[in-house]
Structures are given as C-alpha cells and as structure tokens.
Amino acid sequence: GDMFHDNKPSRATVLKTIQILRRYCLGPRPVNFEIVSDQSTNFAQNPVVNFEDENFSVDLPVFSIHGNHDDPTRDGGTDMLAALDLLSAANLINYYGRHDEVDRVE
C-alpha cells in the first residue's frame, strides 16, 4: 500500500509517521539480509541503506518505492520534494524509484 494517500500529507500526519517509524523500526538488533544492488544508484539520497549506516541503528528496515501518491511538488522553491524525501533524509526509510515526472518513466 501507500505510505501516504495524499502527495502532501499534513504536518500532523508526517509527525505521527516519524514517531511510529522511530518506535517500531529503530533498535540494536541485526538485519539478516543484504542489498546486493548498487546502492548509490538505487538509493540516491543516502549513500547506503539505513541499516548499513554505521551512525544509525535499525531493527526493521522499511523500503518505500515511489508510487502514484508520491509525486514531488514545489513548495515555493526550486526543489521538487515528496513527503517520502523527508523520511528518507531522516534515515527512517529507504526510498527508491523516485521520479519527478511520472509521465516519463524510463
């Protein structure tokens, strides 16, 4: 399913999502699988997936692929951002497949 139903969820929704991800996904237990693809290509925002980041501790990694409700928008600036970009920048999810132009998927 979609992480968010709207491409611009409310701040309260984003806050609650961050709280839930922190509560249920962070911790010291090891993750027992590895990513064998080129992470710098597939997860462009972060150099490695969050559970391989030596400065972060993840028990349950969440992977989110760009979907039809995740279209990036401009909020008064030049950068196109989606709510999933914020969660990825905070290292709470591993976001891949991001497209700025969903009409031109290659």
Protein backbone atom coordinates (compact mmCIF):
# COMPACT_ATOMS: atom_id res chain seq x y z
CA GLY A 1 0.00 0.00 0.00
CA ASP A 2 0.92 3.65 0.00
CA MET A 3 2.77 5.28 2.88
CA PHE A 4 0.53 8.32 2.40
CA HIS A 5 -2.73 8.62 0.49
CA ASP A 6 -2.02 12.27 -0.42
CA ASN A 7 1.18 13.55 -2.02
CA LYS A 8 1.19 16.42 0.50
CA PRO A 9 0.20 14.88 3.85
CA SER A 10 -0.43 17.19 6.80
CA ARG A 11 2.38 18.01 9.21
CA ALA A 12 0.49 16.09 11.90
CA THR A 13 0.44 13.01 9.66
CA VAL A 14 4.16 13.28 8.92
CA LEU A 15 4.91 13.76 12.63
CA LYS A 16 2.88 10.67 13.59
CA THR A 17 4.60 8.67 10.83
CA ILE A 18 8.03 9.66 12.16
CA GLN A 19 7.00 8.68 15.70
CA ILE A 20 5.73 5.29 14.54
CA LEU A 21 8.83 4.56 12.45
CA ARG A 22 11.12 5.52 15.34
CA ARG A 23 9.17 3.38 17.82
CA TYR A 24 8.86 0.22 15.75
CA CYS A 25 11.80 0.27 13.33
CA LEU A 26 14.83 1.56 15.26
CA GLY A 27 16.88 -0.58 17.62
CA PRO A 28 20.06 -2.62 18.08
CA ARG A 29 19.06 -5.99 16.56
CA PRO A 30 20.87 -7.06 13.40
CA VAL A 31 19.18 -7.17 9.99
CA ASN A 32 19.75 -10.57 8.40
CA PHE A 33 19.81 -9.71 4.72
CA GLU A 34 21.94 -7.56 2.46
CA ILE A 35 21.43 -5.30 -0.51
CA VAL A 36 23.44 -6.57 -3.46
CA SER A 37 22.50 -3.88 -6.00
CA ASP A 38 24.39 -0.62 -6.44
CA GLN A 39 23.04 1.40 -3.52
CA SER A 40 24.36 4.72 -4.82
CA THR A 41 22.16 4.27 -7.91
CA ASN A 42 19.05 2.85 -6.27
CA PHE A 43 19.05 4.93 -3.07
CA ALA A 44 20.40 8.20 -4.42
CA GLN A 45 19.54 10.37 -1.40
CA ASN A 46 21.68 8.34 1.04
CA PRO A 47 24.94 6.56 0.19
CA VAL A 48 23.82 3.30 1.87
CA VAL A 49 20.57 1.80 3.10
CA ASN A 50 19.74 2.90 6.63
CA PHE A 51 20.50 -0.44 8.33
CA GLU A 52 24.06 -0.39 6.92
CA ASP A 53 24.70 3.17 8.12
CA GLU A 54 27.24 2.93 10.96
CA ASN A 55 25.71 6.02 12.61
CA PHE A 56 22.18 4.62 12.70
CA SER A 57 20.58 1.57 14.29
CA VAL A 58 17.68 -0.10 12.50
CA ASP A 59 15.87 -3.29 13.54
CA LEU A 60 13.19 -3.30 10.87
CA PRO A 61 14.15 -1.60 7.61
CA VAL A 62 11.31 -0.04 5.63
CA PHE A 63 11.64 0.17 1.85
CA SER A 64 9.36 2.52 0.00
CA ILE A 65 9.12 2.72 -3.77
CA HIS A 66 7.83 5.83 -5.46
CA GLY A 67 4.12 5.42 -6.16
CA ASN A 68 1.28 7.33 -7.72
CA HIS A 69 0.57 9.26 -4.48
CA ASP A 70 4.20 10.34 -4.05
CA ASP A 71 4.56 12.92 -6.81
CA PRO A 72 7.12 15.52 -5.73
CA THR A 73 5.89 19.11 -5.66
CA ARG A 74 7.48 22.53 -5.29
CA ASP A 75 6.60 24.47 -2.15
CA GLY A 76 7.78 27.93 -3.12
CA GLY A 77 11.27 26.79 -4.05
CA THR A 78 13.02 25.14 -6.96
CA ASP A 79 13.45 21.66 -5.45
CA MET A 80 10.84 19.01 -6.09
CA LEU A 81 10.10 17.21 -2.82
CA ALA A 82 7.78 14.44 -1.68
CA ALA A 83 6.93 13.52 1.91
CA LEU A 84 8.98 10.34 1.40
CA ASP A 85 12.04 12.51 0.72
CA LEU A 86 11.77 13.87 4.27
CA LEU A 87 11.54 10.39 5.80
CA SER A 88 14.47 9.24 3.68
CA ALA A 89 16.60 12.28 4.62
CA ALA A 90 15.91 11.46 8.28
CA ASN A 91 17.16 7.91 7.52
CA LEU A 92 13.84 6.37 8.61
CA ILE A 93 13.05 4.73 5.27
CA ASN A 94 14.91 3.53 2.21
CA TYR A 95 13.23 5.37 -0.67
CA TYR A 96 13.84 4.25 -4.22
CA GLY A 97 12.35 4.60 -7.67
CA ARG A 98 11.74 8.33 -7.26
CA HIS A 99 10.58 10.14 -10.40
CA ASP A 100 9.97 13.85 -10.78
CA GLU A 101 7.98 13.31 -13.95
CA VAL A 102 5.64 10.33 -13.57
CA ASP A 103 4.53 10.72 -17.19
CA ARG A 104 8.10 9.90 -18.33
CA VAL A 105 9.18 6.69 -16.56
CA GLU A 106 12.13 5.01 -18.24
